[in-house]
């Protein structure tokens, strides 16, 4: 078309067409760059086959519509290419192996945990043979490891301080040292006070929740005291 215009000495119209073509090509290049950026942000890739299909559809659009391909048309072309590529992958992908169905395996307890024997004896009415009536002898214990929990306990520690006196002069008297306490004249042991500190500053429990836990263990300590 521009050759015919040049032949008719219509240079201005031919120049306008060339400028329009350059502008449209630059716009398509920007649209394609923006589309690639959006796909890169979404973590999606585009293969060489998809690009070739995209360029072919753009060329067809340019020929039919005079290089007026918009960003929406570019998106539609890429979406079509992605769908076709996904269909080809689904057809070539081997079928997934069936999930094996079996008995679930139990995780073994950690070796660092303390083991405590818990003997479970046969009841007295089952210790004789049901056929001959003779008493059955012990064979062995069958061990079964069960992870269990022992709740905390609050108890009264009675410190019995030994007191000794001299039997000769009957004047010298000695006593054993005081028991383990944070405050010499206090009523709470170091272990209990340490428990309060851990629950408050490590576990983030409020004072009233610590008090409620102590109440469940059998003792009511005011929050102000805690």
Protein backbone atom coordinates (compact mmCIF):
# COMPACT_ATOMS: atom_id res chain seq x y z
CA UNK A 1 0.00 0.00 0.00
CA UNK A 2 2.78 2.46 0.88
CA UNK A 3 4.51 1.63 -2.46
CA UNK A 4 1.40 2.76 -4.33
CA UNK A 5 1.36 5.98 -2.33
CA UNK A 6 5.01 6.61 -3.12
CA UNK A 7 4.36 5.93 -6.80
CA UNK A 8 1.61 8.60 -6.71
CA UNK A 9 4.04 10.97 -4.98
CA UNK A 10 1.91 10.95 -1.81
CA UNK A 11 4.89 11.04 0.53
CA UNK A 12 3.09 12.52 3.52
CA UNK A 13 0.49 9.75 3.64
CA UNK A 14 3.19 7.06 3.26
CA UNK A 15 5.21 8.65 6.07
CA UNK A 16 2.13 8.70 8.31
CA UNK A 17 1.53 4.99 7.67
CA UNK A 18 5.16 4.15 8.53
CA UNK A 19 4.96 6.21 11.74
CA UNK A 20 1.75 4.41 12.64
CA UNK A 21 3.34 1.03 12.05
CA UNK A 22 6.32 1.96 14.24
CA UNK A 23 3.99 3.21 17.00
CA UNK A 24 1.85 0.05 16.90
CA UNK A 25 4.92 -2.21 16.98
CA UNK A 26 6.31 -0.35 20.00
CA UNK A 27 2.93 -0.65 21.74
CA UNK A 28 2.82 -4.40 21.09
CA UNK A 29 6.36 -4.72 22.45
CA UNK A 30 5.34 -2.88 25.63
CA UNK A 31 2.20 -5.01 26.03
CA UNK A 32 4.24 -8.18 25.63
CA UNK A 33 6.83 -6.98 28.19
CA UNK A 34 4.10 -6.10 30.70
CA UNK A 35 2.46 -9.49 30.18
CA UNK A 36 5.75 -11.27 30.79
CA UNK A 37 6.23 -9.25 33.99
CA UNK A 38 2.78 -10.22 35.28
CA UNK A 39 3.40 -13.88 34.53
CA UNK A 40 6.78 -13.70 36.28
CA UNK A 41 5.16 -12.24 39.41
CA UNK A 42 2.59 -15.04 39.47
CA UNK A 43 5.35 -17.64 39.29
CA UNK A 44 4.08 -18.89 35.93
CA UNK A 45 6.33 -19.70 33.00
CA UNK A 46 5.79 -19.47 29.25
CA UNK A 47 7.43 -21.90 26.88
CA UNK A 48 8.88 -21.36 23.40
CA UNK A 49 5.86 -23.07 21.82
CA UNK A 50 3.53 -20.68 23.63
CA UNK A 51 5.52 -17.68 22.40
CA UNK A 52 5.42 -18.94 18.81
CA UNK A 53 1.66 -19.42 19.04
CA UNK A 54 1.32 -15.96 20.56
CA UNK A 55 3.35 -14.32 17.78
CA UNK A 56 1.38 -16.20 15.12
CA UNK A 57 -1.91 -14.99 16.56
CA UNK A 58 -0.57 -11.45 16.81
CA UNK A 59 0.50 -11.52 13.16
CA UNK A 60 -2.94 -12.78 12.19
CA UNK A 61 -4.53 -10.02 14.23
CA UNK A 62 -2.29 -7.42 12.63
CA UNK A 63 -3.16 -8.60 9.11
CA UNK A 64 -6.89 -8.67 9.80
CA UNK A 65 -7.31 -5.59 11.97
CA UNK A 66 -4.58 -3.23 10.83
CA UNK A 67 -2.17 -3.69 13.78
CA UNK A 68 -4.78 -2.79 16.41
CA UNK A 69 -4.06 -5.58 18.91
CA UNK A 70 -4.88 -4.48 22.44
CA UNK A 71 -3.60 -5.76 25.78
CA UNK A 72 -6.79 -7.80 26.24
CA UNK A 73 -6.16 -9.61 22.96
CA UNK A 74 -2.58 -10.33 24.00
CA UNK A 75 -3.82 -11.77 27.32
CA UNK A 76 -6.36 -13.95 25.49
CA UNK A 77 -3.65 -15.24 23.14
CA UNK A 78 -1.35 -16.16 26.00
CA UNK A 79 -4.22 -17.83 27.89
CA UNK A 80 -5.04 -19.93 24.81
CA UNK A 81 -1.39 -20.92 24.46
CA UNK A 82 -1.17 -21.87 28.15
CA UNK A 83 -4.34 -23.97 27.93
CA UNK A 84 -3.08 -25.82 24.88
CA UNK A 85 0.30 -26.41 26.51
CA UNK A 86 -1.40 -27.72 29.67
CA UNK A 87 -3.53 -30.09 27.60
CA UNK A 88 -0.42 -31.46 25.92
CA UNK A 89 1.24 -31.97 29.32
CA UNK A 90 -1.84 -33.79 30.65
CA UNK A 91 -1.81 -36.12 27.65
CA UNK A 92 1.91 -36.93 27.95
CA UNK A 93 2.07 -37.12 31.75
CA UNK A 94 2.09 -40.73 33.04
CA UNK A 95 -0.72 -41.66 35.42
CA UNK A 96 0.02 -41.24 39.11
CA UNK A 97 0.74 -44.49 40.98
CA UNK A 98 -2.01 -45.60 43.35
CA UNK A 99 -1.56 -44.66 46.98
CA UNK A 100 -0.59 -47.76 48.98
CA UNK A 101 -3.12 -48.65 51.63
CA UNK A 102 -1.66 -50.32 54.67
CA UNK A 103 -1.53 -50.28 58.43
CA UNK A 104 -0.34 -46.90 59.75
CA UNK A 105 3.00 -47.05 61.51
CA UNK A 106 3.23 -45.75 65.07
CA UNK A 107 6.05 -43.38 65.93
CA UNK A 108 8.34 -44.79 68.61
CA UNK A 109 8.61 -42.79 71.88
CA UNK A 110 11.85 -40.79 72.22
CA UNK A 111 14.67 -42.61 73.94
CA UNK A 112 15.33 -39.66 76.26
CA UNK A 113 11.99 -40.11 78.05
CA UNK A 114 12.07 -41.91 81.36
CA UNK A 115 10.70 -45.45 81.35
CA UNK A 116 8.56 -46.45 84.33
CA UNK A 117 7.43 -50.03 84.75
CA UNK A 118 3.70 -50.45 85.26
CA UNK A 119 3.05 -54.15 86.06
CA UNK A 120 -0.41 -55.33 84.99
CA UNK A 121 -1.15 -58.60 86.76
CA UNK A 122 -3.60 -61.28 85.71
CA UNK A 123 -6.73 -61.18 87.90
CA UNK A 124 -6.94 -63.83 90.65
CA UNK A 125 -10.01 -65.53 89.13
CA UNK A 126 -8.12 -66.07 85.86
CA UNK A 127 -4.92 -67.60 87.26
CA UNK A 128 -6.14 -71.20 87.05
CA UNK A 129 -6.44 -73.26 83.90
CA UNK A 130 -9.99 -73.48 82.58
CA UNK A 131 -9.38 -77.07 81.41
CA UNK A 132 -7.60 -78.83 84.28
CA UNK A 133 -7.94 -76.30 87.12
CA UNK A 134 -4.17 -76.16 87.88
CA UNK A 135 -2.54 -72.87 88.87
CA UNK A 136 -0.74 -71.28 85.93
CA UNK A 137 2.92 -70.30 86.27
CA UNK A 138 4.45 -66.96 85.36
CA UNK A 139 6.01 -66.86 81.90
CA UNK A 140 6.98 -63.25 81.12
CA UNK A 141 5.77 -59.68 80.84
CA UNK A 142 4.76 -58.36 77.43
CA UNK A 143 5.99 -54.75 77.18
CA UNK A 144 3.80 -52.10 75.54
CA UNK A 145 5.14 -48.54 75.58
CA UNK A 146 2.51 -45.88 76.18
CA UNK A 147 3.31 -42.17 76.39
CA UNK A 148 1.58 -40.81 79.49
CA UNK A 149 1.59 -37.69 81.63
CA UNK A 150 1.88 -37.06 85.36
CA UNK A 151 0.37 -33.74 86.42
CA UNK A 152 2.16 -31.41 88.77
CA UNK A 153 1.64 -31.87 92.50
CA UNK A 154 1.59 -29.36 95.29
CA UNK A 155 2.59 -30.78 98.66
CA UNK A 156 3.69 -29.61 102.08
CA UNK A 157 7.36 -30.23 102.70
CA UNK A 158 7.93 -30.75 106.39
CA UNK A 159 11.51 -29.68 107.07
CA UNK A 160 12.65 -31.65 110.13
CA UNK A 161 15.70 -29.72 111.31
CA UNK A 162 17.91 -31.88 113.40
CA UNK A 163 18.81 -30.36 116.75
CA UNK A 164 21.76 -31.60 118.82
CA UNK A 165 23.02 -30.63 122.25
CA UNK A 166 26.13 -31.37 124.23
CA UNK A 167 25.54 -34.01 126.90
CA UNK A 168 28.65 -32.94 128.81
CA UNK A 169 28.21 -29.25 129.53
CA UNK A 170 24.60 -29.16 128.42
CA UNK A 171 25.12 -25.69 127.04
CA UNK A 172 26.01 -26.11 123.33
CA UNK A 173 23.11 -26.66 120.95
CA UNK A 174 23.32 -26.85 117.15
CA UNK A 175 20.61 -27.08 114.46
CA UNK A 176 20.62 -28.25 110.88
CA UNK A 177 20.48 -25.49 108.20
CA UNK A 178 17.16 -24.19 106.94
CA UNK A 179 15.48 -25.91 104.02
CA UNK A 180 15.60 -24.63 100.47
CA UNK A 181 13.53 -21.42 100.31
CA UNK A 182 13.79 -18.16 98.37
CA UNK A 183 13.17 -16.09 101.50
CA UNK A 184 14.44 -17.39 104.81
CA UNK A 185 11.16 -16.70 106.60
CA UNK A 186 8.94 -17.41 103.58
CA UNK A 187 6.27 -20.06 103.27
CA UNK A 188 7.02 -21.24 99.72
CA UNK A 189 9.83 -23.41 98.48
CA UNK A 190 12.23 -22.54 95.68
CA UNK A 191 10.68 -25.08 93.28
CA UNK A 192 7.21 -23.55 93.64
CA UNK A 193 8.49 -19.99 93.19
CA UNK A 194 10.47 -21.10 90.12
CA UNK A 195 7.25 -22.58 88.70
CA UNK A 196 5.52 -19.22 89.15
CA UNK A 197 8.34 -17.40 87.35
CA UNK A 198 8.35 -19.83 84.41
CA UNK A 199 4.58 -19.69 83.97
CA UNK A 200 4.49 -15.88 84.18
CA UNK A 201 7.50 -14.85 82.10
CA UNK A 202 8.15 -17.87 79.87
CA UNK A 203 4.64 -19.22 79.23
CA UNK A 204 2.99 -15.78 79.39
CA UNK A 205 0.22 -16.78 81.82
CA UNK A 206 -1.59 -14.14 83.81
CA UNK A 207 -1.54 -14.21 87.61
CA UNK A 208 -5.21 -15.19 87.92
CA UNK A 209 -4.68 -18.15 85.56
CA UNK A 210 -1.70 -19.28 87.63
CA UNK A 211 -3.91 -19.01 90.71
CA UNK A 212 -6.64 -21.09 89.04
CA UNK A 213 -4.09 -23.79 88.20
CA UNK A 214 -2.91 -23.87 91.81
CA UNK A 215 -6.52 -24.15 92.93
CA UNK A 216 -6.97 -27.23 90.76
CA UNK A 217 -3.91 -28.70 92.47
CA UNK A 218 -5.43 -28.17 95.91
CA UNK A 219 -4.12 -24.83 97.21
CA UNK A 220 -5.42 -21.27 96.92
CA UNK A 221 -2.66 -18.65 96.75
CA UNK A 222 -3.76 -15.02 96.24
CA UNK A 223 -2.64 -13.36 93.03
CA UNK A 224 -0.95 -10.62 95.04
CA UNK A 225 1.19 -13.23 96.79
CA UNK A 226 2.07 -14.90 93.49
